[in-house]
C-alpha atoms as a PDB file:
ATOM      1  CA  MET A   1      55.743  66.977 -19.839  1.00  0.00           C
ATOM      2  CA  TYR A   2      58.194  64.996 -17.918  1.00  0.00           C
ATOM      3  CA  ALA A   3      60.468  62.554 -19.520  1.00  0.00           C
ATOM      4  CA  TYR A   4      60.581  59.236 -17.744  1.00  0.00           C
ATOM      5  CA  ALA A   5      63.490  56.959 -18.181  1.00  0.00           C
ATOM      6  CA  ASN A   6      61.557  53.849 -17.883  1.00  0.00           C
ATOM      7  CA  ALA A   7      57.962  52.830 -18.320  1.00  0.00           C
ATOM      8  CA  ARG A   8      57.568  51.697 -14.721  1.00  0.00           C
ATOM      9  CA  GLN A   9      57.928  55.187 -13.464  1.00  0.00           C
ATOM     10  CA  MET A  10      55.109  56.482 -15.610  1.00  0.00           C
ATOM     11  CA  PRO A  11      51.918  57.217 -13.681  1.00  0.00           C
ATOM     12  CA  ARG A  12      49.136  54.828 -14.469  1.00  0.00           C
ATOM     13  CA  GLU A  13      46.112  56.204 -16.114  1.00  0.00           C
ATOM     14  CA  ARG A  14      42.849  55.027 -14.705  1.00  0.00           C
ATOM     15  CA  HIS A  15      40.225  54.104 -17.123  1.00  0.00           C
ATOM     16  CA  GLY A  16      36.883  54.889 -15.531  1.00  0.00           C
ATOM     17  CA  GLY A  17      35.043  51.616 -16.313  1.00  0.00           C
ATOM     18  CA  ALA A  18      37.738  48.909 -16.264  1.00  0.00           C
ATOM     19  CA  GLU A  19      38.070  48.270 -12.510  1.00  0.00           C
ATOM     20  CA  PRO A  20      34.369  48.501 -11.549  1.00  0.00           C
ATOM     21  CA  LEU A  21      33.549  46.096 -14.398  1.00  0.00           C
ATOM     22  CA  GLY A  22      35.999  43.522 -12.993  1.00  0.00           C
ATOM     23  CA  ARG A  23      34.551  43.921  -9.504  1.00  0.00           C
ATOM     24  CA  ALA A  24      30.984  43.530 -10.855  1.00  0.00           C
ATOM     25  CA  LEU A  25      32.054  40.410 -12.723  1.00  0.00           C
ATOM     26  CA  ARG A  26      33.570  38.898  -9.557  1.00  0.00           C
ATOM     27  CA  MET A  27      30.417  39.736  -7.580  1.00  0.00           C
ATOM     28  CA  ALA A  28      28.241  38.159 -10.271  1.00  0.00           C
ATOM     29  CA  ILE A  29      30.350  34.993 -10.196  1.00  0.00           C
ATOM     30  CA  VAL A  30      30.153  34.813  -6.400  1.00  0.00           C
ATOM     31  CA  GLY A  31      26.396  35.461  -6.489  1.00  0.00           C
ATOM     32  CA  LEU A  32      25.798  32.818  -9.126  1.00  0.00           C
ATOM     33  CA  SER A  33      27.927  30.369  -7.158  1.00  0.00           C
ATOM     34  CA  LEU A  34      25.858  30.985  -4.035  1.00  0.00           C
ATOM     35  CA  VAL A  35      22.632  30.516  -6.004  1.00  0.00           C
ATOM     36  CA  GLY A  36      24.032  27.268  -7.445  1.00  0.00           C
ATOM     37  CA  VAL A  37      24.923  25.981  -3.974  1.00  0.00           C
ATOM     38  CA  PHE A  38      21.465  26.908  -2.686  1.00  0.00           C
ATOM     39  CA  ILE A  39      19.781  25.100  -5.595  1.00  0.00           C
ATOM     40  CA  PHE A  40      21.994  22.042  -5.067  1.00  0.00           C
ATOM     41  CA  ILE A  41      21.180  21.886  -1.335  1.00  0.00           C
ATOM     42  CA  SER A  42      17.446  22.346  -1.886  1.00  0.00           C
ATOM     43  CA  ASN A  43      17.388  19.676  -4.611  1.00  0.00           C
ATOM     44  CA  THR A  44      19.318  17.301  -2.360  1.00  0.00           C
ATOM     45  CA  ALA A  45      16.755  17.866   0.401  1.00  0.00           C
ATOM     46  CA  ILE A  46      13.878  17.216  -2.012  1.00  0.00           C
ATOM     47  CA  ILE A  47      15.513  14.023  -3.307  1.00  0.00           C
ATOM     48  CA  SER A  48      16.154  12.845   0.248  1.00  0.00           C
ATOM     49  CA  SER A  49      12.528  13.487   1.179  1.00  0.00           C
ATOM     50  CA  GLN A  50      11.294  11.608  -1.882  1.00  0.00           C
ATOM     51  CA  ALA A  51      13.648   8.698  -1.182  1.00  0.00           C
ATOM     52  CA  LYS A  52      12.252   8.454   2.357  1.00  0.00           C
ATOM     53  CA  GLU A  53       8.693   8.520   1.009  1.00  0.00           C
ATOM     54  CA  ILE A  54       9.525   5.786  -1.535  1.00  0.00           C
ATOM     55  CA  TYR A  55      11.069   3.633   1.205  1.00  0.00           C
ATOM     56  CA  GLU A  56       8.012   4.072   3.460  1.00  0.00           C
ATOM     57  CA  THR A  57       5.718   3.180   0.545  1.00  0.00           C
ATOM     58  CA  MET A  58       7.758   0.048  -0.199  1.00  0.00           C
ATOM     59  CA  VAL A  59       7.533  -1.005   3.466  1.00  0.00           C
ATOM     60  CA  HIS A  60       3.759  -0.433   3.381  1.00  0.00           C
ATOM     61  CA  VAL A  61       3.422  -2.504   0.185  1.00  0.00           C
ATOM     62  CA  SER A  62       5.458  -5.293   1.788  1.00  0.00           C
ATOM     63  CA  ASP A  63       3.193  -5.233   4.854  1.00  0.00           C
ATOM     64  CA  LEU A  64       0.096  -5.372   2.629  1.00  0.00           C
ATOM     65  CA  GLU A  65       1.526  -8.313   0.658  1.00  0.00           C
ATOM     66  CA  THR A  66       2.179 -10.185   3.915  1.00  0.00           C
ATOM     67  CA  GLU A  67      -1.357  -9.439   5.105  1.00  0.00           C
ATOM     68  CA  PHE A  68      -2.745 -10.599   1.734  1.00  0.00           C
ATOM     69  CA  ARG A  69      -0.875 -13.930   1.983  1.00  0.00           C
ATOM     70  CA  ASN A  70      -2.149 -14.419   5.538  1.00  0.00           C
ATOM     71  CA  LEU A  71      -5.711 -13.690   4.413  1.00  0.00           C
ATOM     72  CA  GLN A  72      -5.363 -16.201   1.566  1.00  0.00           C
ATOM     73  CA  ILE A  73      -4.254 -18.859   4.055  1.00  0.00           C
ATOM     74  CA  GLU A  74      -7.140 -18.001   6.392  1.00  0.00           C
ATOM     75  CA  TYR A  75      -9.593 -18.081   3.470  1.00  0.00           C
ATOM     76  CA  SER A  76      -8.429 -21.518   2.335  1.00  0.00           C
ATOM     77  CA  THR A  77      -8.605 -22.759   5.945  1.00  0.00           C
ATOM     78  CA  ARG A  78     -12.175 -21.550   6.314  1.00  0.00           C
ATOM     79  CA  GLN A  79     -13.189 -23.348   3.119  1.00  0.00           C
ATOM     80  CA  ASP A  80     -12.247 -26.701   4.700  1.00  0.00           C
ATOM     81  CA  LEU A  81     -15.423 -28.564   5.744  1.00  0.00           C
ATOM     82  CA  GLU A  82     -13.685 -30.338   8.650  1.00  0.00           C
ATOM     83  CA  TRP A  83     -12.511 -26.991  10.053  1.00  0.00           C
ATOM     84  CA  ILE A  84     -16.048 -25.597   9.777  1.00  0.00           C
ATOM     85  CA  GLN A  85     -17.508 -28.623  11.600  1.00  0.00           C
ATOM     86  CA  ARG A  86     -14.858 -28.421  14.326  1.00  0.00           C
ATOM     87  CA  GLN A  87     -15.589 -24.708  14.844  1.00  0.00           C
ATOM     88  CA  ALA A  88     -19.346 -25.363  14.991  1.00  0.00           C
ATOM     89  CA  ILE A  89     -18.834 -27.955  17.718  1.00  0.00           C
ATOM     90  CA  GLU A  90     -16.086 -26.222  19.738  1.00  0.00           C
ATOM     91  CA  ARG A  91     -17.035 -22.556  19.472  1.00  0.00           C
ATOM     92  CA  LEU A  92     -20.793 -22.668  18.955  1.00  0.00           C
ATOM     93  CA  GLY A  93     -21.614 -25.780  20.981  1.00  0.00           C
ATOM     94  CA  MET A  94     -23.452 -27.429  18.100  1.00  0.00           C
ATOM     95  CA  ILE A  95     -23.920 -31.184  17.952  1.00  0.00           C
ATOM     96  CA  ARG A  96     -24.490 -33.511  15.053  1.00  0.00           C
ATOM     97  CA  PRO A  97     -28.096 -34.731  14.912  1.00  0.00           C
ATOM     98  CA  ASP A  98     -28.778 -38.425  15.377  1.00  0.00           C
ATOM     99  CA  GLU A  99     -30.983 -40.507  13.081  1.00  0.00           C
ATOM    100  CA  THR A 100     -34.183 -39.797  15.041  1.00  0.00           C
ATOM    101  CA  GLN A 101     -33.763 -36.057  14.501  1.00  0.00           C
ATOM    102  CA  ILE A 102     -33.451 -36.248  10.706  1.00  0.00           C
ATOM    103  CA  ARG A 103     -36.306 -36.541   8.289  1.00  0.00           C
ATOM    104  CA  VAL A 104     -35.624 -36.946   4.591  1.00  0.00           C
ATOM    105  CA  VAL A 105     -38.232 -35.285   2.438  1.00  0.00           C
ATOM    106  CA  ASN A 106     -38.509 -35.919  -1.265  1.00  0.00           C
ATOM    107  CA  ILE A 107     -39.608 -32.605  -2.777  1.00  0.00           C
ATOM    108  CA  PRO A 108     -41.177 -33.950  -6.021  1.00  0.00           C
ATOM    109  CA  ASP A 109     -43.500 -36.268  -3.989  1.00  0.00           C
ATOM    110  CA  ILE A 110     -44.656 -33.393  -1.752  1.00  0.00           C
ATOM    111  CA  ILE A 111     -45.346 -31.111  -4.694  1.00  0.00           C
ATOM    112  CA  ALA A 112     -47.313 -33.868  -6.467  1.00  0.00           C
ATOM    113  CA  ALA A 113     -49.394 -34.380  -3.313  1.00  0.00           C
ATOM    114  CA  GLY A 114     -50.070 -30.638  -3.095  1.00  0.00           C
ATOM    115  CA  GLU A 115     -48.456 -30.143   0.324  1.00  0.00           C
ATOM    116  CA  SER A 116     -45.864 -27.615   1.370  1.00  0.00           C
ATOM    117  CA  PRO A 117     -42.440 -28.948   2.470  1.00  0.00           C
ATOM    118  CA  GLN A 118     -42.871 -27.323   5.912  1.00  0.00           C
ATOM    119  CA  SER A 119     -46.139 -29.109   6.704  1.00  0.00           C
ATOM    120  CA  ALA A 120     -44.814 -32.474   5.488  1.00  0.00           C
ATOM    121  CA  ALA A 121     -41.671 -32.469   7.618  1.00  0.00           C
ATOM    122  CA  THR A 122     -41.718 -33.490  11.255  1.00  0.00           C
ATOM    123  CA  GLY A 123     -38.972 -33.790  13.832  1.00  0.00           C
ATOM    124  CA  ASN A 124     -36.449 -31.404  15.296  1.00  0.00           C
ATOM    125  CA  VAL A 125     -34.206 -31.007  12.211  1.00  0.00           C
ATOM    126  CA  GLU A 126     -35.271 -30.865   8.603  1.00  0.00           C
ATOM    127  CA  LEU A 127     -32.897 -31.810   5.831  1.00  0.00           C
ATOM    128  CA  VAL A 128     -34.399 -31.821   2.386  1.00  0.00           C
ATOM    129  CA  GLY A 129     -33.100 -33.568  -0.741  1.00  0.00           C
ATOM    130  CA  GLU A 130     -31.168 -36.664  -1.646  1.00  0.00           C
ATOM    131  CA  GLY A 131     -28.417 -37.744   0.710  1.00  0.00           C
ATOM    132  CA  ALA A 132     -29.645 -35.489   3.497  1.00  0.00           C
ATOM    133  CA  GLY A 133     -29.035 -38.205   6.061  1.00  0.00           C
ATOM    134  CA  THR A 134     -25.360 -38.552   5.175  1.00  0.00           C
END
């Protein structure tokens, strides 16, 4: 064998598995990093999609709440007797009957006499019961 004066001049011995193991480890780290980046990007896309869906749902709920308030206002308006009378006159062309067109029929008297309310009433408009003329 040769005698070397210093250790730097000695030929290096290659150990069969040391270098390929380091290369495999680096490749595994790079591969896992790429998988991690892919998972991060896909999760970000999913979260973004869900955030958009949540926003659209909130806008839809807001629109429905506005529509509900408007319907409540319309409902309360249509419960007003003056509004109903005004609509009957303006839109349907109805008129209030005068005193000659109203006949007040007392139901208990008709039943006691054995008549039907239809045969007892005369005139163009029939209003039956107390306060029918008011």
